[in-house]
Amino acid sequence: MCALSDSSNELEVPLVTLDQIIPINGETGLVKMDVEGHEDRVFRGMERVVQDSHPVIIFECNPGAAAADVDEWLRQRGYHIFSLMDGVVEEISELRPERFEFGNRDFLATHRSHFGQDTPSAR
């Protein structure tokens, strides 16, 4: 459970992982997330989905978020990471949003199988 509150009310909502709600059937093609600094937790909760479908993942990453953990998690699972900025897609060697001019930044992660690659080092 998680509690959300404002100045007058509190609301409890159940927390579930993507692995708990997305069918494991090889058909998940795209995951889009904007979770305000909780990317590492969301990725850990979609391990089965990633193993099953290797979806394309579009996500925002904020400075101060666990970007290094996200970077390592994705790369260990065979993903390439691209920065998305003003219509330009550029592969990056390290996920470090604090290096980018405007802080929050959108990224695209694609699995090596989308490139016809069998190993992370094949290019």
N, C-alpha and C. Protein backbone atom coordinates (compact mmCIF):
# COMPACT_ATOMS: atom_id res chain seq x y z
N MET A 1 0.84 -1.18 0.00
CA MET A 1 0.00 0.00 0.00
C MET A 1 0.88 1.25 0.00
N CYS A 2 0.33 2.28 -0.56
CA CYS A 2 1.01 3.57 -0.62
C CYS A 2 -0.01 4.62 -0.24
N ALA A 3 0.42 5.63 0.45
CA ALA A 3 -0.48 6.71 0.84
C ALA A 3 -0.12 7.97 0.08
N LEU A 4 -1.13 8.60 -0.47
CA LEU A 4 -0.99 9.91 -1.10
C LEU A 4 -1.77 10.89 -0.25
N SER A 5 -1.22 12.07 -0.07
CA SER A 5 -1.97 13.02 0.73
C SER A 5 -1.78 14.43 0.22
N ASP A 6 -2.77 15.25 0.48
CA ASP A 6 -2.64 16.68 0.25
C ASP A 6 -2.96 17.34 1.58
N SER A 7 -3.24 18.59 1.59
CA SER A 7 -3.44 19.29 2.85
C SER A 7 -4.70 18.86 3.60
N SER A 8 -5.66 18.22 2.91
CA SER A 8 -6.91 17.91 3.60
C SER A 8 -7.28 16.44 3.60
N ASN A 9 -6.81 15.67 2.64
CA ASN A 9 -7.24 14.27 2.55
C ASN A 9 -6.05 13.34 2.35
N GLU A 10 -6.29 12.10 2.70
CA GLU A 10 -5.29 11.07 2.44
C GLU A 10 -5.98 9.93 1.72
N LEU A 11 -5.27 9.35 0.76
CA LEU A 11 -5.83 8.27 -0.04
C LEU A 11 -4.83 7.14 -0.08
N GLU A 12 -5.26 5.93 0.28
CA GLU A 12 -4.40 4.78 0.18
C GLU A 12 -4.70 4.04 -1.12
N VAL A 13 -3.64 3.69 -1.83
CA VAL A 13 -3.81 2.96 -3.08
C VAL A 13 -2.90 1.74 -3.05
N PRO A 14 -3.37 0.63 -3.61
CA PRO A 14 -2.51 -0.56 -3.64
C PRO A 14 -1.40 -0.38 -4.67
N LEU A 15 -0.23 -0.90 -4.37
CA LEU A 15 0.88 -0.88 -5.31
C LEU A 15 0.98 -2.25 -5.97
N VAL A 16 1.10 -2.25 -7.27
CA VAL A 16 1.29 -3.49 -8.01
C VAL A 16 2.43 -3.29 -9.00
N THR A 17 3.06 -4.36 -9.38
CA THR A 17 4.13 -4.27 -10.36
C THR A 17 3.55 -4.50 -11.75
N LEU A 18 4.28 -4.08 -12.76
CA LEU A 18 3.85 -4.35 -14.13
C LEU A 18 3.80 -5.85 -14.39
N ASP A 19 4.72 -6.60 -13.77
CA ASP A 19 4.69 -8.05 -13.91
C ASP A 19 3.39 -8.66 -13.40
N GLN A 20 2.73 -8.00 -12.46
CA GLN A 20 1.47 -8.50 -11.92
C GLN A 20 0.28 -8.19 -12.82
N ILE A 21 0.41 -7.19 -13.69
CA ILE A 21 -0.78 -6.81 -14.47
C ILE A 21 -0.65 -6.99 -15.98
N ILE A 22 0.58 -7.08 -16.50
CA ILE A 22 0.76 -7.24 -17.94
C ILE A 22 0.88 -8.73 -18.24
N PRO A 23 0.09 -9.24 -19.16
CA PRO A 23 0.18 -10.67 -19.50
C PRO A 23 1.56 -11.03 -20.04
N ILE A 24 2.03 -12.19 -19.65
CA ILE A 24 3.30 -12.71 -20.15
C ILE A 24 2.96 -13.60 -21.34
N ASN A 25 2.90 -12.95 -22.52
CA ASN A 25 2.47 -13.67 -23.73
C ASN A 25 3.30 -13.28 -24.95
N GLY A 26 4.42 -12.57 -24.73
CA GLY A 26 5.29 -12.19 -25.83
C GLY A 26 4.76 -11.07 -26.70
N GLU A 27 3.71 -10.39 -26.26
CA GLU A 27 3.07 -9.38 -27.11
C GLU A 27 3.20 -7.95 -26.62
N THR A 28 3.93 -7.70 -25.56
CA THR A 28 4.10 -6.33 -25.08
C THR A 28 5.15 -5.66 -25.94
N GLY A 29 4.74 -4.69 -26.74
CA GLY A 29 5.65 -4.05 -27.67
C GLY A 29 6.23 -2.75 -27.19
N LEU A 30 5.53 -2.06 -26.28
CA LEU A 30 5.95 -0.73 -25.85
C LEU A 30 5.53 -0.49 -24.41
N VAL A 31 6.45 0.07 -23.64
CA VAL A 31 6.14 0.54 -22.28
C VAL A 31 6.57 1.99 -22.24
N LYS A 32 5.67 2.88 -21.79
CA LYS A 32 5.96 4.31 -21.64
C LYS A 32 5.78 4.64 -20.17
N MET A 33 6.79 5.27 -19.57
CA MET A 33 6.67 5.60 -18.15
C MET A 33 7.20 6.99 -17.85
N ASP A 34 6.56 7.62 -16.90
CA ASP A 34 6.99 8.89 -16.34
C ASP A 34 6.63 8.80 -14.87
N VAL A 35 7.58 8.37 -14.05
CA VAL A 35 7.29 8.02 -12.67
C VAL A 35 8.06 8.87 -11.65
N GLU A 36 8.51 10.04 -12.11
CA GLU A 36 9.07 11.06 -11.23
C GLU A 36 10.13 10.54 -10.26
N GLY A 37 11.18 9.95 -10.81
CA GLY A 37 12.30 9.54 -9.98
C GLY A 37 12.24 8.13 -9.44
N HIS A 38 11.19 7.39 -9.75
CA HIS A 38 11.04 6.02 -9.25
C HIS A 38 11.33 4.98 -10.34
N GLU A 39 12.06 5.38 -11.37
CA GLU A 39 12.31 4.50 -12.51
C GLU A 39 12.94 3.17 -12.09
N ASP A 40 13.92 3.21 -11.21
CA ASP A 40 14.60 1.97 -10.82
C ASP A 40 13.62 0.97 -10.21
N ARG A 41 12.68 1.43 -9.43
CA ARG A 41 11.69 0.53 -8.81
C ARG A 41 10.73 -0.04 -9.84
N VAL A 42 10.32 0.80 -10.78
CA VAL A 42 9.41 0.33 -11.82
C VAL A 42 10.09 -0.72 -12.69
N PHE A 43 11.34 -0.47 -13.06
CA PHE A 43 12.06 -1.45 -13.87
C PHE A 43 12.18 -2.78 -13.13
N ARG A 44 12.50 -2.74 -11.85
CA ARG A 44 12.61 -4.00 -11.08
C ARG A 44 11.28 -4.74 -11.05
N GLY A 45 10.18 -4.03 -11.16
CA GLY A 45 8.86 -4.66 -11.14
C GLY A 45 8.37 -5.09 -12.50
N MET A 46 9.23 -5.03 -13.52
CA MET A 46 8.82 -5.48 -14.85
C MET A 46 9.82 -6.47 -15.46
N GLU A 47 10.52 -7.17 -14.60
CA GLU A 47 11.53 -8.14 -15.03
C GLU A 47 10.95 -9.19 -15.98
N ARG A 48 9.83 -9.78 -15.62
CA ARG A 48 9.22 -10.83 -16.44
C ARG A 48 8.75 -10.28 -17.78
N VAL A 49 8.18 -9.10 -17.78
CA VAL A 49 7.72 -8.48 -19.03
C VAL A 49 8.89 -8.27 -19.98
N VAL A 50 10.00 -7.77 -19.44
CA VAL A 50 11.19 -7.51 -20.26
C VAL A 50 11.76 -8.82 -20.79
N GLN A 51 11.87 -9.83 -19.95
CA GLN A 51 12.39 -11.12 -20.40
C GLN A 51 11.49 -11.75 -21.45
N ASP A 52 10.20 -11.59 -21.30
CA ASP A 52 9.23 -12.21 -22.20
C ASP A 52 9.13 -11.52 -23.55
N SER A 53 9.06 -10.20 -23.56
CA SER A 53 8.71 -9.47 -24.77
C SER A 53 9.78 -8.54 -25.31
N HIS A 54 10.77 -8.18 -24.51
CA HIS A 54 11.78 -7.19 -24.91
C HIS A 54 11.13 -5.94 -25.50
N PRO A 55 10.18 -5.33 -24.76
CA PRO A 55 9.50 -4.17 -25.33
C PRO A 55 10.42 -2.98 -25.50
N VAL A 56 10.06 -2.10 -26.43
CA VAL A 56 10.67 -0.79 -26.50
C VAL A 56 10.19 -0.04 -25.26
N ILE A 57 11.08 0.70 -24.62
CA ILE A 57 10.72 1.42 -23.40
C ILE A 57 11.05 2.89 -23.58
N ILE A 58 10.06 3.74 -23.39
CA ILE A 58 10.25 5.19 -23.40
C ILE A 58 10.06 5.65 -21.97
N PHE A 59 11.04 6.38 -21.44
CA PHE A 59 10.93 6.79 -20.05
C PHE A 59 11.60 8.13 -19.83
N GLU A 60 11.12 8.83 -18.82
CA GLU A 60 11.75 10.07 -18.40
C GLU A 60 12.65 9.73 -17.22
N CYS A 61 13.78 10.38 -17.15
CA CYS A 61 14.68 10.20 -16.02
C CYS A 61 15.07 11.57 -15.50
N ASN A 62 14.99 11.75 -14.22
CA ASN A 62 15.25 13.03 -13.58
C ASN A 62 16.64 13.06 -12.97
N PRO A 63 17.28 14.23 -12.96
CA PRO A 63 18.55 14.35 -12.22
C PRO A 63 18.31 13.94 -10.76
N GLY A 64 19.23 13.23 -10.19
CA GLY A 64 19.07 12.78 -8.81
C GLY A 64 18.36 11.45 -8.70
N ALA A 65 17.72 11.00 -9.77
CA ALA A 65 17.10 9.68 -9.74
C ALA A 65 18.20 8.64 -9.78
N ALA A 66 17.84 7.40 -9.60
CA ALA A 66 18.82 6.32 -9.60
C ALA A 66 19.20 5.95 -11.04
N ALA A 67 19.67 6.95 -11.80
CA ALA A 67 19.96 6.75 -13.22
C ALA A 67 21.01 5.68 -13.44
N ALA A 68 22.03 5.62 -12.61
CA ALA A 68 23.08 4.61 -12.78
C ALA A 68 22.50 3.21 -12.62
N ASP A 69 21.57 3.04 -11.68
CA ASP A 69 20.92 1.74 -11.49
C ASP A 69 20.06 1.38 -12.69
N VAL A 70 19.35 2.35 -13.22
CA VAL A 70 18.51 2.13 -14.41
C VAL A 70 19.40 1.76 -15.59
N ASP A 71 20.47 2.50 -15.78
CA ASP A 71 21.41 2.23 -16.87
C ASP A 71 21.94 0.79 -16.78
N GLU A 72 22.41 0.41 -15.62
CA GLU A 72 22.96 -0.94 -15.43
C GLU A 72 21.88 -2.00 -15.66
N TRP A 73 20.69 -1.79 -15.12
CA TRP A 73 19.60 -2.75 -15.24
C TRP A 73 19.27 -2.98 -16.72
N LEU A 74 19.12 -1.92 -17.46
CA LEU A 74 18.77 -2.04 -18.89
C LEU A 74 19.89 -2.70 -19.69
N ARG A 75 21.11 -2.26 -19.49
CA ARG A 75 22.22 -2.81 -20.27
C ARG A 75 22.47 -4.28 -19.96
N GLN A 76 22.30 -4.69 -18.71
CA GLN A 76 22.46 -6.10 -18.36
C GLN A 76 21.42 -6.98 -19.05
N ARG A 77 20.32 -6.38 -19.45
CA ARG A 77 19.26 -7.14 -20.12
C ARG A 77 19.28 -6.95 -21.64
N GLY A 78 20.38 -6.38 -22.14
CA GLY A 78 20.57 -6.29 -23.58
C GLY A 78 19.97 -5.08 -24.25
N TYR A 79 19.74 -4.01 -23.50
CA TYR A 79 19.16 -2.80 -24.07
C TYR A 79 20.22 -1.78 -24.45
N HIS A 80 19.94 -1.05 -25.52
CA HIS A 80 20.68 0.14 -25.90
C HIS A 80 19.83 1.32 -25.46
N ILE A 81 20.47 2.41 -25.02
CA ILE A 81 19.73 3.57 -24.51
C ILE A 81 20.02 4.76 -25.41
N PHE A 82 18.94 5.46 -25.77
CA PHE A 82 19.03 6.62 -26.64
C PHE A 82 18.41 7.82 -25.94
N SER A 83 19.01 8.98 -26.13
CA SER A 83 18.44 10.23 -25.65
C SER A 83 17.47 10.74 -26.71
N LEU A 84 16.35 11.29 -26.27
CA LEU A 84 15.36 11.89 -27.17
C LEU A 84 15.30 13.38 -26.86
N MET A 85 15.71 14.19 -27.81
CA MET A 85 15.69 15.64 -27.58
C MET A 85 15.39 16.37 -28.87
N ASP A 86 14.32 17.14 -28.87
CA ASP A 86 13.95 17.96 -30.04
C ASP A 86 13.95 17.16 -31.33
N GLY A 87 13.39 15.97 -31.29
CA GLY A 87 13.29 15.15 -32.49
C GLY A 87 14.56 14.44 -32.89
N VAL A 88 15.62 14.58 -32.08
CA VAL A 88 16.89 13.92 -32.37
C VAL A 88 17.02 12.71 -31.46
N VAL A 89 17.34 11.57 -32.06
CA VAL A 89 17.56 10.34 -31.31
C VAL A 89 19.05 10.04 -31.38
N GLU A 90 19.69 9.96 -30.21
CA GLU A 90 21.14 9.75 -30.16
C GLU A 90 21.46 8.69 -29.13
N GLU A 91 22.19 7.63 -29.56
CA GLU A 91 22.59 6.60 -28.60
C GLU A 91 23.58 7.19 -27.61
N ILE A 92 23.42 6.81 -26.34
CA ILE A 92 24.31 7.32 -25.30
C ILE A 92 25.05 6.16 -24.66
N SER A 93 26.24 6.45 -24.17
CA SER A 93 27.05 5.40 -23.55
C SER A 93 26.78 5.27 -22.06
N GLU A 94 26.17 6.29 -21.46
CA GLU A 94 25.90 6.25 -20.03
C GLU A 94 24.69 7.13 -19.74
N LEU A 95 23.76 6.60 -18.96
CA LEU A 95 22.55 7.33 -18.61
C LEU A 95 22.87 8.27 -17.46
N ARG A 96 23.06 9.56 -17.78
CA ARG A 96 23.37 10.57 -16.78
C ARG A 96 22.57 11.82 -17.11
N PRO A 97 21.30 11.89 -16.68
CA PRO A 97 20.46 13.04 -17.04
C PRO A 97 21.00 14.37 -16.56
N GLU A 98 21.81 14.36 -15.51
CA GLU A 98 22.35 15.64 -15.01
C GLU A 98 23.32 16.28 -16.00
N ARG A 99 23.79 15.52 -16.96
CA ARG A 99 24.68 16.07 -17.99
C ARG A 99 23.91 16.87 -19.05
N PHE A 100 22.61 16.73 -19.06
CA PHE A 100 21.83 17.37 -20.11
C PHE A 100 21.32 18.72 -19.64
N GLU A 101 21.22 19.61 -20.57
CA GLU A 101 20.93 21.01 -20.30
C GLU A 101 19.67 21.24 -19.48
N PHE A 102 18.60 20.52 -19.75
CA PHE A 102 17.32 20.84 -19.13
C PHE A 102 16.93 19.90 -18.00
N GLY A 103 17.82 19.06 -17.53
CA GLY A 103 17.49 18.19 -16.41
C GLY A 103 16.68 16.99 -16.84
N ASN A 104 15.36 17.02 -16.58
CA ASN A 104 14.51 15.90 -16.96
C ASN A 104 14.67 15.65 -18.46
N ARG A 105 14.76 14.39 -18.83
CA ARG A 105 14.99 14.06 -20.22
C ARG A 105 14.30 12.74 -20.53
N ASP A 106 13.79 12.66 -21.74
CA ASP A 106 13.18 11.42 -22.20
C ASP A 106 14.23 10.55 -22.86
N PHE A 107 14.08 9.24 -22.63
CA PHE A 107 15.01 8.26 -23.18
C PHE A 107 14.22 7.15 -23.85
N LEU A 108 14.88 6.49 -24.76
CA LEU A 108 14.33 5.35 -25.49
C LEU A 108 15.27 4.19 -25.26
N ALA A 109 14.73 3.06 -24.84
CA ALA A 109 15.56 1.86 -24.66
C ALA A 109 15.02 0.79 -25.60
N THR A 110 15.91 0.25 -26.42
CA THR A 110 15.52 -0.80 -27.36
C THR A 110 16.42 -2.01 -27.14
N HIS A 111 15.83 -3.17 -27.17
CA HIS A 111 16.57 -4.40 -26.95
C HIS A 111 17.41 -4.75 -28.17
N ARG A 112 18.54 -5.38 -27.93
CA ARG A 112 19.44 -5.73 -29.03
C ARG A 112 18.77 -6.61 -30.07
N SER A 113 17.74 -7.35 -29.69
CA SER A 113 17.04 -8.21 -30.66
C SER A 113 16.32 -7.38 -31.72
N HIS A 114 16.04 -6.12 -31.42
CA HIS A 114 15.40 -5.24 -32.41
C HIS A 114 16.38 -4.86 -33.52
N PHE A 115 17.68 -5.04 -33.24
CA PHE A 115 18.73 -4.74 -34.21
C PHE A 115 19.25 -6.02 -34.88
N GLY A 116 18.65 -7.16 -34.53
CA GLY A 116 19.13 -8.43 -35.06
C GLY A 116 20.44 -8.85 -34.43
N GLN A 117 20.68 -8.41 -33.19
CA GLN A 117 21.92 -8.73 -32.50
C GLN A 117 21.68 -9.82 -31.47
N ASP A 118 22.58 -10.76 -31.40
CA ASP A 118 22.47 -11.85 -30.44
C ASP A 118 23.24 -11.60 -29.16
N THR A 119 24.23 -10.74 -29.20
CA THR A 119 25.03 -10.46 -28.02
C THR A 119 25.15 -8.96 -27.82
N PRO A 120 25.34 -8.52 -26.58
CA PRO A 120 25.44 -7.08 -26.33
C PRO A 120 26.60 -6.44 -27.07
N SER A 121 27.67 -7.18 -27.32
CA SER A 121 28.84 -6.55 -27.94
C SER A 121 28.76 -6.52 -29.45
N ALA A 122 27.82 -7.24 -30.04
CA ALA A 122 27.71 -7.25 -31.51
C ALA A 122 27.12 -5.94 -31.98
N ARG A 123 27.78 -5.32 -32.95
CA ARG A 123 27.26 -4.06 -33.53
C ARG A 123 27.61 -3.98 -34.96
